[in-house]
Amino acid sequence: MSHEPQAAGNAAEQELRDTLGTAIGTAQEHLLQNGGFLPFGITLSNDGELRIVLVTPNEPDEDGHLDAEQMLADVQELLKQGRNDYRAVAVAYDASLPEHDCDGITGAAEHRDGTVLAAIVPYHVTDDGFTFEPMEPDTHEPSVWVD
C-alpha cells in the first residue's frame, strides 16, 4: 500500500501553515513597527521561496482613507494571475471583529490542491503598543485556484 497521497496531503498542509504563518507574522510585525498595515499577499513559489505581494493604493478619499477592500481585491487578482507559479498563497488584512470588540489580523491561505486554511488574530491597542490574543480558526472560500 502506498502512502504517497497521505504524504502529499501532509506536505500541502505544511505549506499552507507556513504560508499563513508568514502572512500573519508579517502583519504583526507591521502593526508593531508601523501601527498598521495594508492588505498584502504571500506566495510560496514552485521553487519553495516565500515572497510578499504588495499593491500600490489608489489615492485616498476626501477623508484621507485608503480603499483597503479594493487593495485586497487587487492583491487577490495578482495572485490569481500568477497562480501557475505558486504552490500556495495567503492574504492578510486588517478587519473589524465586533464579536471580540476589537480589530484583528485576518489571514487566509490556499493551496493549489484546493485546500484552504484561515485564521484571525484579534488585537488590542494599548498604551505600550499592541497585545495579540491567541489565533483562532476562521472560514474562507477559495479565490485563487477557481475559474
C-alpha atoms as a PDB file:
ATOM      1  CA  MET A   1       0.000   0.000   0.000  1.00  0.00           C
ATOM      2  CA  SER A   2       1.363   3.408  -0.976  1.00  0.00           C
ATOM      3  CA  HIS A   3       1.433   6.336   1.411  1.00  0.00           C
ATOM      4  CA  GLU A   4       2.134   8.958  -1.241  1.00  0.00           C
ATOM      5  CA  PRO A   5      -1.306  10.608  -1.190  1.00  0.00           C
ATOM      6  CA  GLN A   6      -1.086  10.986   2.598  1.00  0.00           C
ATOM      7  CA  ALA A   7       2.460  12.353   2.325  1.00  0.00           C
ATOM      8  CA  ALA A   8       1.356  14.761  -0.384  1.00  0.00           C
ATOM      9  CA  GLY A   9      -1.521  15.898   1.822  1.00  0.00           C
ATOM     10  CA  ASN A  10       0.821  16.444   4.752  1.00  0.00           C
ATOM     11  CA  ALA A  11       3.189  18.452   2.528  1.00  0.00           C
ATOM     12  CA  ALA A  12       0.314  20.621   1.287  1.00  0.00           C
ATOM     13  CA  GLU A  13      -0.906  21.168   4.852  1.00  0.00           C
ATOM     14  CA  GLN A  14       2.590  22.182   5.978  1.00  0.00           C
ATOM     15  CA  GLU A  15       2.924  24.553   3.008  1.00  0.00           C
ATOM     16  CA  LEU A  16      -0.413  26.139   3.929  1.00  0.00           C
ATOM     17  CA  ARG A  17       0.628  26.533   7.563  1.00  0.00           C
ATOM     18  CA  ASP A  18       3.978  28.045   6.566  1.00  0.00           C
ATOM     19  CA  THR A  19       2.380  30.476   4.118  1.00  0.00           C
ATOM     20  CA  LEU A  20      -0.398  31.521   6.510  1.00  0.00           C
ATOM     21  CA  GLY A  21       2.051  31.807   9.408  1.00  0.00           C
ATOM     22  CA  THR A  22       4.310  34.045   7.354  1.00  0.00           C
ATOM     23  CA  ALA A  23       1.373  36.278   6.406  1.00  0.00           C
ATOM     24  CA  ILE A  24       0.131  36.638   9.982  1.00  0.00           C
ATOM     25  CA  GLY A  25       3.639  37.123  11.365  1.00  0.00           C
ATOM     26  CA  THR A  26       4.379  39.797   8.763  1.00  0.00           C
ATOM     27  CA  ALA A  27       1.122  41.593   9.612  1.00  0.00           C
ATOM     28  CA  GLN A  28       2.007  41.518  13.333  1.00  0.00           C
ATOM     29  CA  GLU A  29       5.459  42.956  12.581  1.00  0.00           C
ATOM     30  CA  HIS A  30       3.932  45.765  10.512  1.00  0.00           C
ATOM     31  CA  LEU A  31       1.469  46.575  13.285  1.00  0.00           C
ATOM     32  CA  LEU A  32       4.220  46.713  15.893  1.00  0.00           C
ATOM     33  CA  GLN A  33       6.609  48.746  13.721  1.00  0.00           C
ATOM     34  CA  ASN A  34       4.177  50.994  11.850  1.00  0.00           C
ATOM     35  CA  GLY A  35       0.938  50.977  13.847  1.00  0.00           C
ATOM     36  CA  GLY A  36      -0.970  49.379  10.965  1.00  0.00           C
ATOM     37  CA  PHE A  37      -0.747  47.536   7.689  1.00  0.00           C
ATOM     38  CA  LEU A  38      -2.405  47.416   4.289  1.00  0.00           C
ATOM     39  CA  PRO A  39      -3.662  44.206   2.647  1.00  0.00           C
ATOM     40  CA  PHE A  40      -0.902  42.067   1.129  1.00  0.00           C
ATOM     41  CA  GLY A  41      -0.235  38.578  -0.128  1.00  0.00           C
ATOM     42  CA  ILE A  42       2.386  35.919   0.470  1.00  0.00           C
ATOM     43  CA  THR A  43       3.303  33.374  -2.176  1.00  0.00           C
ATOM     44  CA  LEU A  44       5.084  30.050  -1.905  1.00  0.00           C
ATOM     45  CA  SER A  45       6.665  29.665  -5.323  1.00  0.00           C
ATOM     46  CA  ASN A  46       7.176  26.386  -7.108  1.00  0.00           C
ATOM     47  CA  ASP A  47      10.847  26.631  -6.128  1.00  0.00           C
ATOM     48  CA  GLY A  48       9.899  26.834  -2.420  1.00  0.00           C
ATOM     49  CA  GLU A  49      10.543  30.545  -1.771  1.00  0.00           C
ATOM     50  CA  LEU A  50       8.161  32.717   0.221  1.00  0.00           C
ATOM     51  CA  ARG A  51       7.621  36.196  -1.246  1.00  0.00           C
ATOM     52  CA  ILE A  52       5.440  39.157  -0.370  1.00  0.00           C
ATOM     53  CA  VAL A  53       2.980  40.667  -2.864  1.00  0.00           C
ATOM     54  CA  LEU A  54       2.072  44.324  -2.429  1.00  0.00           C
ATOM     55  CA  VAL A  55      -0.073  46.693  -4.447  1.00  0.00           C
ATOM     56  CA  THR A  56       0.049  50.459  -4.598  1.00  0.00           C
ATOM     57  CA  PRO A  57      -3.051  52.034  -3.074  1.00  0.00           C
ATOM     58  CA  ASN A  58      -5.220  54.385  -5.064  1.00  0.00           C
ATOM     59  CA  GLU A  59      -5.460  57.991  -3.980  1.00  0.00           C
ATOM     60  CA  PRO A  60      -7.080  58.499  -0.557  1.00  0.00           C
ATOM     61  CA  ASP A  61     -10.686  59.658  -0.475  1.00  0.00           C
ATOM     62  CA  GLU A  62     -11.695  63.140   0.690  1.00  0.00           C
ATOM     63  CA  ASP A  63     -11.368  61.981   4.323  1.00  0.00           C
ATOM     64  CA  GLY A  64      -7.853  60.641   3.734  1.00  0.00           C
ATOM     65  CA  HIS A  65      -8.871  56.971   3.845  1.00  0.00           C
ATOM     66  CA  LEU A  66      -7.445  54.349   1.514  1.00  0.00           C
ATOM     67  CA  ASP A  67      -9.718  51.782  -0.132  1.00  0.00           C
ATOM     68  CA  ALA A  68      -8.413  48.634   1.598  1.00  0.00           C
ATOM     69  CA  GLU A  69     -11.169  46.488   0.062  1.00  0.00           C
ATOM     70  CA  GLN A  70     -10.026  47.446  -3.428  1.00  0.00           C
ATOM     71  CA  MET A  71      -6.414  46.789  -2.453  1.00  0.00           C
ATOM     72  CA  LEU A  72      -7.361  43.309  -1.197  1.00  0.00           C
ATOM     73  CA  ALA A  73      -9.210  42.614  -4.453  1.00  0.00           C
ATOM     74  CA  ASP A  74      -6.144  43.788  -6.413  1.00  0.00           C
ATOM     75  CA  VAL A  75      -3.842  41.505  -4.385  1.00  0.00           C
ATOM     76  CA  GLN A  76      -6.181  38.552  -4.950  1.00  0.00           C
ATOM     77  CA  GLU A  77      -6.290  39.282  -8.678  1.00  0.00           C
ATOM     78  CA  LEU A  78      -2.472  39.358  -8.856  1.00  0.00           C
ATOM     79  CA  LEU A  79      -2.307  36.050  -7.011  1.00  0.00           C
ATOM     80  CA  LYS A  80      -4.855  34.525  -9.360  1.00  0.00           C
ATOM     81  CA  GLN A  81      -2.945  35.750 -12.431  1.00  0.00           C
ATOM     82  CA  GLY A  82       0.310  34.201 -11.182  1.00  0.00           C
ATOM     83  CA  ARG A  83      -1.143  31.021  -9.707  1.00  0.00           C
ATOM     84  CA  ASN A  84       0.717  28.711 -12.112  1.00  0.00           C
ATOM     85  CA  ASP A  85       3.962  29.829 -10.455  1.00  0.00           C
ATOM     86  CA  TYR A  86       2.802  29.092  -6.880  1.00  0.00           C
ATOM     87  CA  ARG A  87       2.184  26.072  -4.692  1.00  0.00           C
ATOM     88  CA  ALA A  88       0.355  28.128  -2.055  1.00  0.00           C
ATOM     89  CA  VAL A  89      -0.686  31.715  -1.401  1.00  0.00           C
ATOM     90  CA  ALA A  90      -2.017  33.687   1.545  1.00  0.00           C
ATOM     91  CA  VAL A  91      -3.592  37.096   2.033  1.00  0.00           C
ATOM     92  CA  ALA A  92      -3.603  39.163   5.195  1.00  0.00           C
ATOM     93  CA  TYR A  93      -5.707  42.181   6.010  1.00  0.00           C
ATOM     94  CA  ASP A  94      -6.925  44.158   8.988  1.00  0.00           C
ATOM     95  CA  ALA A  95     -10.564  43.625   9.887  1.00  0.00           C
ATOM     96  CA  SER A  96     -13.026  44.792  12.499  1.00  0.00           C
ATOM     97  CA  LEU A  97     -14.071  41.942  14.806  1.00  0.00           C
ATOM     98  CA  PRO A  98     -17.284  43.087  16.519  1.00  0.00           C
ATOM     99  CA  GLU A  99     -17.633  39.743  18.335  1.00  0.00           C
ATOM    100  CA  HIS A 100     -14.286  40.492  20.051  1.00  0.00           C
ATOM    101  CA  ASP A 101     -14.878  44.247  20.350  1.00  0.00           C
ATOM    102  CA  CYS A 102     -11.550  44.903  18.621  1.00  0.00           C
ATOM    103  CA  ASP A 103      -9.723  44.674  15.319  1.00  0.00           C
ATOM    104  CA  GLY A 104      -7.876  41.630  14.105  1.00  0.00           C
ATOM    105  CA  ILE A 105      -5.469  40.277  11.560  1.00  0.00           C
ATOM    106  CA  THR A 106      -7.353  38.099   9.138  1.00  0.00           C
ATOM    107  CA  GLY A 107      -5.307  35.605   7.179  1.00  0.00           C
ATOM    108  CA  ALA A 108      -6.368  33.071   4.580  1.00  0.00           C
ATOM    109  CA  ALA A 109      -4.148  30.604   2.744  1.00  0.00           C
ATOM    110  CA  GLU A 110      -4.914  28.465  -0.278  1.00  0.00           C
ATOM    111  CA  HIS A 111      -3.023  25.553  -1.781  1.00  0.00           C
ATOM    112  CA  ARG A 112      -3.146  24.698  -5.452  1.00  0.00           C
ATOM    113  CA  ASP A 113      -4.601  21.301  -4.465  1.00  0.00           C
ATOM    114  CA  GLY A 114      -7.742  23.167  -3.275  1.00  0.00           C
ATOM    115  CA  THR A 115      -7.056  23.069   0.465  1.00  0.00           C
ATOM    116  CA  VAL A 116      -7.845  26.250   2.408  1.00  0.00           C
ATOM    117  CA  LEU A 117      -6.717  27.361   5.874  1.00  0.00           C
ATOM    118  CA  ALA A 118      -7.798  30.608   7.546  1.00  0.00           C
ATOM    119  CA  ALA A 119      -7.328  32.267  10.918  1.00  0.00           C
ATOM    120  CA  ILE A 120      -7.835  35.504  12.799  1.00  0.00           C
ATOM    121  CA  VAL A 121      -5.652  37.088  15.462  1.00  0.00           C
ATOM    122  CA  PRO A 122      -7.609  39.641  17.494  1.00  0.00           C
ATOM    123  CA  TYR A 123      -5.531  42.508  18.822  1.00  0.00           C
ATOM    124  CA  HIS A 124      -5.935  45.476  21.126  1.00  0.00           C
ATOM    125  CA  VAL A 125      -4.207  48.822  21.073  1.00  0.00           C
ATOM    126  CA  THR A 126      -2.595  49.544  24.441  1.00  0.00           C
ATOM    127  CA  ASP A 127      -0.539  52.368  25.895  1.00  0.00           C
ATOM    128  CA  ASP A 128       2.544  50.271  25.149  1.00  0.00           C
ATOM    129  CA  GLY A 129       1.564  49.296  21.587  1.00  0.00           C
ATOM    130  CA  PHE A 130      -0.449  46.172  20.833  1.00  0.00           C
ATOM    131  CA  THR A 131      -1.480  42.974  22.549  1.00  0.00           C
ATOM    132  CA  PHE A 132      -2.409  39.938  20.485  1.00  0.00           C
ATOM    133  CA  GLU A 133      -4.951  37.318  21.501  1.00  0.00           C
ATOM    134  CA  PRO A 134      -4.439  33.668  20.523  1.00  0.00           C
ATOM    135  CA  MET A 135      -5.001  32.729  16.892  1.00  0.00           C
ATOM    136  CA  GLU A 136      -8.462  31.358  16.119  1.00  0.00           C
ATOM    137  CA  PRO A 137      -9.609  29.325  13.118  1.00  0.00           C
ATOM    138  CA  ASP A 138     -11.691  31.156  10.551  1.00  0.00           C
ATOM    139  CA  THR A 139     -13.511  30.267   7.343  1.00  0.00           C
ATOM    140  CA  HIS A 140     -12.513  31.205   3.812  1.00  0.00           C
ATOM    141  CA  GLU A 141     -13.672  30.262   0.345  1.00  0.00           C
ATOM    142  CA  PRO A 142     -11.075  29.545  -2.355  1.00  0.00           C
ATOM    143  CA  SER A 143     -10.444  32.559  -4.585  1.00  0.00           C
ATOM    144  CA  VAL A 144      -7.159  31.901  -6.398  1.00  0.00           C
ATOM    145  CA  TRP A 145      -7.469  28.398  -7.848  1.00  0.00           C
ATOM    146  CA  VAL A 146     -11.018  28.906  -9.094  1.00  0.00           C
ATOM    147  CA  ASP A 147     -12.316  29.871 -12.511  1.00  0.00           C
END
